[in-house]
Amino acid sequence: MARVLALTADLMFGSRLQSALSSAGHAVELVADPVRLREILEDAPEPGVAVLIVDLTDPGLDGAGTLESLAGLLEAGSTRTLGFYSHVDTLARERAASAGFDLLVPRSRMAREGAVLVGRLAVSGDA
């Protein structure tokens, strides 16, 4: 279905997410480092990455800042962005919304509906 990159340093949640998305037919690559993510995006063949998932729960990753720094690499509309945050961290959600994520969901919803959300984003741009 879709090529998906997921920026998360949380190996437990990342592997769970990867398993769910792979079962739904998506090609998923987990990335733990924003620098490595940039390298992958720079080298991506066409049609490139359909969906970029970013973990906003890890302050060490600065997910909103990472998305802002990648703006030039993410062609408008071609790579959809999905961020997940802790439901109690309203500041992280607000910052991510300002950074321009296409979709923001609580981590619990990502765990339950990740494959469906990615599928909808990849196909229609809406979730």
N, C-alpha and C. Protein backbone atom coordinates (compact mmCIF):
# COMPACT_ATOMS: atom_id res chain seq x y z
N MET A 1 0.81 -1.20 0.00
CA MET A 1 0.00 0.00 0.00
C MET A 1 0.85 1.26 0.00
N ALA A 2 1.45 1.60 1.14
CA ALA A 2 2.17 2.86 1.23
C ALA A 2 3.53 2.66 1.88
N ARG A 3 4.49 3.50 1.46
CA ARG A 3 5.78 3.52 2.14
C ARG A 3 5.66 4.49 3.31
N VAL A 4 6.01 4.00 4.50
CA VAL A 4 5.85 4.77 5.72
C VAL A 4 7.17 4.84 6.47
N LEU A 5 7.51 6.04 6.92
CA LEU A 5 8.64 6.22 7.83
C LEU A 5 8.08 6.62 9.18
N ALA A 6 8.60 6.05 10.25
CA ALA A 6 8.15 6.39 11.59
C ALA A 6 9.34 6.82 12.43
N LEU A 7 9.32 8.06 12.87
CA LEU A 7 10.38 8.59 13.73
C LEU A 7 9.97 8.36 15.17
N THR A 8 10.59 7.39 15.81
CA THR A 8 10.35 7.11 17.22
C THR A 8 11.56 6.40 17.81
N ALA A 9 11.94 6.83 19.00
CA ALA A 9 13.05 6.17 19.69
C ALA A 9 12.53 5.10 20.65
N ASP A 10 11.22 5.00 20.78
CA ASP A 10 10.58 4.02 21.66
C ASP A 10 10.48 2.69 20.91
N LEU A 11 11.40 1.79 21.18
CA LEU A 11 11.46 0.53 20.44
C LEU A 11 10.24 -0.34 20.66
N MET A 12 9.69 -0.35 21.87
CA MET A 12 8.50 -1.17 22.14
C MET A 12 7.31 -0.67 21.33
N PHE A 13 7.02 0.61 21.43
CA PHE A 13 5.88 1.15 20.70
C PHE A 13 6.15 1.11 19.20
N GLY A 14 7.37 1.42 18.81
CA GLY A 14 7.73 1.40 17.40
C GLY A 14 7.54 0.04 16.76
N SER A 15 7.97 -1.02 17.46
CA SER A 15 7.82 -2.35 16.88
C SER A 15 6.35 -2.76 16.83
N ARG A 16 5.59 -2.34 17.81
CA ARG A 16 4.14 -2.60 17.80
C ARG A 16 3.47 -1.89 16.62
N LEU A 17 3.86 -0.65 16.42
CA LEU A 17 3.33 0.14 15.31
C LEU A 17 3.75 -0.48 13.97
N GLN A 18 5.00 -0.85 13.87
CA GLN A 18 5.51 -1.46 12.64
C GLN A 18 4.76 -2.75 12.32
N SER A 19 4.51 -3.55 13.32
CA SER A 19 3.80 -4.80 13.12
C SER A 19 2.38 -4.55 12.61
N ALA A 20 1.67 -3.62 13.23
CA ALA A 20 0.30 -3.31 12.82
C ALA A 20 0.25 -2.76 11.40
N LEU A 21 1.17 -1.88 11.08
CA LEU A 21 1.17 -1.28 9.75
C LEU A 21 1.61 -2.28 8.68
N SER A 22 2.58 -3.11 9.01
CA SER A 22 3.02 -4.15 8.06
C SER A 22 1.91 -5.14 7.79
N SER A 23 1.16 -5.50 8.83
CA SER A 23 0.03 -6.43 8.66
C SER A 23 -1.03 -5.85 7.74
N ALA A 24 -1.12 -4.52 7.71
CA ALA A 24 -2.09 -3.85 6.84
C ALA A 24 -1.53 -3.63 5.43
N GLY A 25 -0.30 -4.11 5.19
CA GLY A 25 0.27 -4.03 3.85
C GLY A 25 1.18 -2.86 3.59
N HIS A 26 1.50 -2.08 4.61
CA HIS A 26 2.38 -0.93 4.41
C HIS A 26 3.84 -1.34 4.58
N ALA A 27 4.71 -0.71 3.84
CA ALA A 27 6.15 -0.90 3.98
C ALA A 27 6.63 0.13 5.00
N VAL A 28 7.05 -0.34 6.16
CA VAL A 28 7.35 0.55 7.28
C VAL A 28 8.83 0.48 7.64
N GLU A 29 9.40 1.65 7.85
CA GLU A 29 10.78 1.72 8.34
C GLU A 29 10.79 2.59 9.58
N LEU A 30 11.33 2.04 10.67
CA LEU A 30 11.47 2.80 11.92
C LEU A 30 12.79 3.53 11.91
N VAL A 31 12.76 4.77 12.36
CA VAL A 31 13.96 5.59 12.43
C VAL A 31 13.99 6.22 13.81
N ALA A 32 15.12 6.13 14.49
CA ALA A 32 15.23 6.65 15.86
C ALA A 32 15.93 8.00 15.94
N ASP A 33 16.43 8.49 14.82
CA ASP A 33 17.25 9.69 14.82
C ASP A 33 16.81 10.65 13.72
N PRO A 34 16.53 11.92 14.05
CA PRO A 34 16.11 12.89 13.03
C PRO A 34 17.14 13.09 11.91
N VAL A 35 18.43 12.97 12.23
CA VAL A 35 19.47 13.12 11.20
C VAL A 35 19.36 11.99 10.18
N ARG A 36 19.17 10.79 10.67
CA ARG A 36 19.00 9.63 9.78
C ARG A 36 17.71 9.76 8.96
N LEU A 37 16.66 10.29 9.58
CA LEU A 37 15.41 10.52 8.86
C LEU A 37 15.64 11.46 7.68
N ARG A 38 16.36 12.53 7.90
CA ARG A 38 16.67 13.48 6.82
C ARG A 38 17.42 12.77 5.69
N GLU A 39 18.40 11.95 6.04
CA GLU A 39 19.18 11.23 5.02
C GLU A 39 18.27 10.33 4.18
N ILE A 40 17.37 9.62 4.84
CA ILE A 40 16.46 8.72 4.13
C ILE A 40 15.56 9.50 3.19
N LEU A 41 15.03 10.62 3.66
CA LEU A 41 14.15 11.43 2.82
C LEU A 41 14.90 12.03 1.63
N GLU A 42 16.14 12.43 1.86
CA GLU A 42 16.94 12.99 0.77
C GLU A 42 17.23 11.95 -0.31
N ASP A 43 17.37 10.70 0.10
CA ASP A 43 17.70 9.63 -0.84
C ASP A 43 16.49 8.86 -1.35
N ALA A 44 15.31 9.25 -0.93
CA ALA A 44 14.09 8.50 -1.29
C ALA A 44 13.84 8.55 -2.78
N PRO A 45 13.62 7.38 -3.39
CA PRO A 45 13.26 7.35 -4.80
C PRO A 45 11.82 7.82 -4.99
N GLU A 46 11.49 8.19 -6.19
CA GLU A 46 10.10 8.54 -6.47
C GLU A 46 9.27 7.28 -6.51
N PRO A 47 8.08 7.20 -6.05
CA PRO A 47 7.27 8.29 -5.54
C PRO A 47 7.59 8.71 -4.12
N GLY A 48 8.55 8.13 -3.48
CA GLY A 48 8.97 8.59 -2.16
C GLY A 48 8.15 8.03 -1.03
N VAL A 49 8.11 8.78 0.05
CA VAL A 49 7.44 8.37 1.27
C VAL A 49 6.02 8.90 1.26
N ALA A 50 5.05 8.03 1.47
CA ALA A 50 3.65 8.45 1.47
C ALA A 50 3.25 9.08 2.80
N VAL A 51 3.70 8.47 3.90
CA VAL A 51 3.32 8.96 5.23
C VAL A 51 4.54 8.98 6.14
N LEU A 52 4.70 10.09 6.84
CA LEU A 52 5.74 10.23 7.85
C LEU A 52 5.03 10.32 9.20
N ILE A 53 5.35 9.37 10.08
CA ILE A 53 4.79 9.36 11.44
C ILE A 53 5.87 9.86 12.39
N VAL A 54 5.49 10.76 13.29
CA VAL A 54 6.45 11.34 14.22
C VAL A 54 5.94 11.20 15.65
N ASP A 55 6.80 10.66 16.50
CA ASP A 55 6.52 10.52 17.92
C ASP A 55 6.76 11.86 18.60
N LEU A 56 5.69 12.46 19.09
CA LEU A 56 5.80 13.75 19.77
C LEU A 56 5.91 13.60 21.28
N THR A 57 5.93 12.35 21.76
CA THR A 57 6.01 12.11 23.20
C THR A 57 7.43 12.12 23.72
N ASP A 58 8.41 12.05 22.84
CA ASP A 58 9.81 11.97 23.24
C ASP A 58 10.46 13.35 23.11
N PRO A 59 10.74 14.02 24.23
CA PRO A 59 11.34 15.36 24.14
C PRO A 59 12.72 15.35 23.49
N GLY A 60 13.38 14.21 23.49
CA GLY A 60 14.69 14.11 22.86
C GLY A 60 14.63 14.17 21.34
N LEU A 61 13.47 13.90 20.77
CA LEU A 61 13.33 13.93 19.31
C LEU A 61 12.88 15.28 18.79
N ASP A 62 12.21 16.08 19.59
CA ASP A 62 11.64 17.35 19.16
C ASP A 62 10.91 17.18 17.82
N GLY A 63 9.82 16.42 17.86
CA GLY A 63 9.08 16.09 16.65
C GLY A 63 8.60 17.28 15.86
N ALA A 64 8.09 18.31 16.54
CA ALA A 64 7.61 19.50 15.83
C ALA A 64 8.78 20.22 15.15
N GLY A 65 9.89 20.34 15.86
CA GLY A 65 11.07 20.98 15.28
C GLY A 65 11.63 20.18 14.11
N THR A 66 11.56 18.87 14.22
CA THR A 66 12.03 18.01 13.13
C THR A 66 11.19 18.24 11.89
N LEU A 67 9.87 18.28 12.05
CA LEU A 67 9.00 18.51 10.90
C LEU A 67 9.29 19.87 10.26
N GLU A 68 9.46 20.87 11.08
CA GLU A 68 9.77 22.21 10.55
C GLU A 68 11.08 22.19 9.76
N SER A 69 12.07 21.45 10.25
CA SER A 69 13.36 21.41 9.56
C SER A 69 13.32 20.62 8.26
N LEU A 70 12.30 19.77 8.11
CA LEU A 70 12.17 18.94 6.90
C LEU A 70 11.26 19.56 5.85
N ALA A 71 10.74 20.72 6.12
CA ALA A 71 9.74 21.34 5.23
C ALA A 71 10.18 21.35 3.77
N GLY A 72 11.43 21.62 3.51
CA GLY A 72 11.92 21.66 2.14
C GLY A 72 11.98 20.30 1.47
N LEU A 73 12.09 19.25 2.25
CA LEU A 73 12.17 17.90 1.70
C LEU A 73 10.80 17.26 1.47
N LEU A 74 9.82 17.73 2.18
CA LEU A 74 8.49 17.15 2.08
C LEU A 74 7.68 17.96 1.07
N GLU A 75 7.55 17.40 -0.12
CA GLU A 75 6.80 18.09 -1.15
C GLU A 75 5.36 18.26 -0.70
N ALA A 76 4.83 19.45 -0.94
CA ALA A 76 3.46 19.75 -0.52
C ALA A 76 2.49 18.70 -1.06
N GLY A 77 1.83 18.05 -0.14
CA GLY A 77 0.80 17.08 -0.50
C GLY A 77 1.30 15.70 -0.84
N SER A 78 2.59 15.53 -1.14
CA SER A 78 3.04 14.20 -1.54
C SER A 78 3.37 13.32 -0.35
N THR A 79 3.93 13.87 0.71
CA THR A 79 4.17 13.12 1.94
C THR A 79 3.25 13.68 3.01
N ARG A 80 2.36 12.84 3.49
CA ARG A 80 1.43 13.23 4.54
C ARG A 80 2.10 13.00 5.89
N THR A 81 1.78 13.84 6.87
CA THR A 81 2.44 13.74 8.18
C THR A 81 1.42 13.46 9.28
N LEU A 82 1.81 12.54 10.16
CA LEU A 82 0.97 12.10 11.26
C LEU A 82 1.80 12.13 12.53
N GLY A 83 1.37 12.92 13.49
CA GLY A 83 2.06 12.99 14.77
C GLY A 83 1.21 12.41 15.87
N PHE A 84 1.84 11.74 16.82
CA PHE A 84 1.09 11.25 17.97
C PHE A 84 1.73 11.80 19.25
N TYR A 85 0.87 12.14 20.20
CA TYR A 85 1.28 12.84 21.41
C TYR A 85 0.61 12.23 22.64
N SER A 86 1.14 12.56 23.79
CA SER A 86 0.50 12.15 25.04
C SER A 86 -0.76 12.99 25.23
N HIS A 87 -1.87 12.36 25.56
CA HIS A 87 -3.14 13.07 25.67
C HIS A 87 -3.12 14.17 26.73
N VAL A 88 -2.19 14.13 27.65
CA VAL A 88 -2.11 15.17 28.67
C VAL A 88 -1.17 16.30 28.30
N ASP A 89 -0.45 16.17 27.21
CA ASP A 89 0.53 17.18 26.80
C ASP A 89 -0.05 18.10 25.74
N THR A 90 -0.86 19.05 26.18
CA THR A 90 -1.51 19.97 25.24
C THR A 90 -0.50 20.89 24.57
N LEU A 91 0.57 21.23 25.25
CA LEU A 91 1.59 22.09 24.67
C LEU A 91 2.24 21.41 23.46
N ALA A 92 2.57 20.14 23.58
CA ALA A 92 3.17 19.40 22.46
C ALA A 92 2.20 19.36 21.28
N ARG A 93 0.92 19.16 21.55
CA ARG A 93 -0.07 19.12 20.49
C ARG A 93 -0.18 20.48 19.79
N GLU A 94 -0.22 21.55 20.57
CA GLU A 94 -0.32 22.90 20.00
C GLU A 94 0.92 23.22 19.15
N ARG A 95 2.08 22.88 19.66
CA ARG A 95 3.32 23.14 18.91
C ARG A 95 3.35 22.34 17.61
N ALA A 96 2.90 21.10 17.67
CA ALA A 96 2.86 20.25 16.48
C ALA A 96 1.85 20.78 15.46
N ALA A 97 0.73 21.27 15.94
CA ALA A 97 -0.27 21.85 15.02
C ALA A 97 0.33 23.07 14.32
N SER A 98 1.07 23.88 15.05
CA SER A 98 1.73 25.04 14.45
C SER A 98 2.80 24.64 13.45
N ALA A 99 3.43 23.49 13.68
CA ALA A 99 4.48 23.01 12.78
C ALA A 99 3.90 22.52 11.45
N GLY A 100 2.59 22.22 11.42
CA GLY A 100 1.96 21.87 10.16
C GLY A 100 1.68 20.40 9.92
N PHE A 101 1.57 19.59 10.96
CA PHE A 101 1.22 18.18 10.77
C PHE A 101 -0.15 18.08 10.10
N ASP A 102 -0.30 17.10 9.23
CA ASP A 102 -1.59 16.87 8.58
C ASP A 102 -2.61 16.29 9.55
N LEU A 103 -2.14 15.45 10.47
CA LEU A 103 -3.02 14.82 11.45
C LEU A 103 -2.28 14.64 12.75
N LEU A 104 -2.96 14.94 13.85
CA LEU A 104 -2.41 14.74 15.19
C LEU A 104 -3.40 13.91 15.99
N VAL A 105 -2.89 12.86 16.63
CA VAL A 105 -3.75 11.99 17.44
C VAL A 105 -3.04 11.63 18.74
N PRO A 106 -3.82 11.34 19.77
CA PRO A 106 -3.21 10.85 21.01
C PRO A 106 -2.53 9.49 20.75
N ARG A 107 -1.53 9.20 21.54
CA ARG A 107 -0.80 7.94 21.40
C ARG A 107 -1.72 6.73 21.49
N SER A 108 -2.72 6.80 22.37
CA SER A 108 -3.64 5.67 22.52
C SER A 108 -4.43 5.42 21.22
N ARG A 109 -4.81 6.48 20.54
CA ARG A 109 -5.52 6.30 19.27
C ARG A 109 -4.57 5.75 18.21
N MET A 110 -3.34 6.21 18.25
CA MET A 110 -2.34 5.69 17.30
C MET A 110 -2.16 4.19 17.50
N ALA A 111 -2.13 3.76 18.75
CA ALA A 111 -1.97 2.33 19.05
C ALA A 111 -3.17 1.53 18.54
N ARG A 112 -4.36 2.08 18.69
CA ARG A 112 -5.58 1.37 18.28
C ARG A 112 -5.84 1.43 16.78
N GLU A 113 -5.63 2.60 16.18
CA GLU A 113 -6.09 2.84 14.82
C GLU A 113 -4.98 3.22 13.84
N GLY A 114 -3.74 3.02 14.21
CA GLY A 114 -2.62 3.46 13.39
C GLY A 114 -2.70 3.02 11.94
N ALA A 115 -2.97 1.75 11.71
CA ALA A 115 -3.02 1.24 10.33
C ALA A 115 -4.14 1.89 9.53
N VAL A 116 -5.28 2.10 10.16
CA VAL A 116 -6.42 2.73 9.47
C VAL A 116 -6.09 4.19 9.16
N LEU A 117 -5.52 4.91 10.14
CA LEU A 117 -5.17 6.31 9.93
C LEU A 117 -4.15 6.48 8.81
N VAL A 118 -3.14 5.63 8.81
CA VAL A 118 -2.11 5.70 7.77
C VAL A 118 -2.73 5.37 6.41
N GLY A 119 -3.57 4.36 6.35
CA GLY A 119 -4.23 4.01 5.10
C GLY A 119 -5.04 5.15 4.54
N ARG A 120 -5.79 5.83 5.40
CA ARG A 120 -6.61 6.96 4.93
C ARG A 120 -5.74 8.12 4.47
N LEU A 121 -4.69 8.41 5.22
CA LEU A 121 -3.79 9.50 4.82
C LEU A 121 -3.12 9.20 3.49
N ALA A 122 -2.66 7.98 3.33
CA ALA A 122 -1.93 7.59 2.12
C ALA A 122 -2.81 7.65 0.88
N VAL A 123 -4.07 7.29 1.03
CA VAL A 123 -4.96 7.23 -0.12
C VAL A 123 -5.61 8.56 -0.43
N SER A 124 -6.20 9.19 0.58
CA SER A 124 -6.97 10.39 0.29
C SER A 124 -6.41 11.66 0.89
N GLY A 125 -5.48 11.52 1.81
CA GLY A 125 -4.96 12.70 2.48
C GLY A 125 -5.77 13.07 3.70
N ASP A 126 -6.86 12.35 3.96
CA ASP A 126 -7.69 12.61 5.14
C ASP A 126 -7.72 11.38 6.02
N ALA A 127 -7.83 11.60 7.30
CA ALA A 127 -7.99 10.48 8.22
C ALA A 127 -9.11 10.81 9.13
